Amino acid sequence: MTGPRWAASRRRGNAVANGFLVIALAGFLIPVAWTAAASFGVVPRGTRPPAFIWPPSLDHFGEVGVAEPNFWQELATSTGVSLAATLLTVAIAVLGAYGIARSRFRGKRYVVQGLLVLASLPVMAYAIPLSDVIRKFGLADTYPGLVLGVSAVTAPLAVYVLHGHLSQLSTEWEEAAWIDGAGLAQVLASVVVPMIAPAVAATAIIVFVLDWNMLLVPLVLAGVEIRTLPVAMVDFFTFERELDWPTAAAALIISLLPLTILVAFGHRLLDQFTLAPRESRLR
């Protein structure tokens, strides 16, 4: 098919694809938009036909600290724990993925498949053994224990993703560095990490989002002296407390700010991320 017919067919295909994209975006954004509107007090009155309370107000953002007195401390805890766990996870993932990708033992394929299985397990499978180990080391309800526990859950996924990238990279630059007398640390810092920097950055962003949203592990390993934001948000929806949806929505919107800032700064790195290495990086 060539000429005008081909161009018309292509336009129809693009129109259908754009239509599906708009529907998908609407499905993702409508709940967020509804929550954002509720945080400003724009909620249905319960009348028929439905009418919304107007005008918008910032009062509910001020009520968050009243409804949850330790909200800002819990926000800081979530930020610090997520950042520390992300750095630890990425560091482990780079070393682990590199070791697996450059090893030559026959069972390597099963190790990689095992990482995918571990990454697919429900968090509950980690919670009980992690709780037992953390308590035996005296790290229960502490920041180090929580960081280690959260990192243990997301590390298999990070290693699996980075291994997929490293296994496709040429070893020419690494071999040249070895010949020049570079050590392992120099090869990793000067050759390997710069070549996979977009993949490392994208993995770090994904891991941070997973760590930030994790509920069960912080609930089991901490929750008394130390509380993360997802654990605190559960209190807004308990039977003991009458739900004030606008205040809960304001807390939810505030909790999205660190993730929004991170993605806003990292979107260019995410655009560069691909499991297939770029030819320009191999030459």
Foldseek 3Di string as FASTA:
>chain_A
DDDPVVVVVVVVVVVVVVVVVVVVVCVVCVVLVVLVCLLQQFDWPPDVVTDTDDDGHNVLLVCLCVLPVCLVVQLVLLVVLLLLLLVVLLVVLLVLLVVLLPDDDPCSVVVLVVLVVLLPDPCVVLQVVLLVVCVVVVNFQHSVSLSVSLNVSCNSVSNNLVNLQVNQADCVVVVVCVVVPDDPVCCCVPQVCVQCVLSSLVSSLVSSVVSSQDDRNCVRRHVPNHHHNNPSLVVLVDPVDDHPSNSSSSSVVVSCVVSVVSCVVSVVSVVVDDSHGDPVSRD
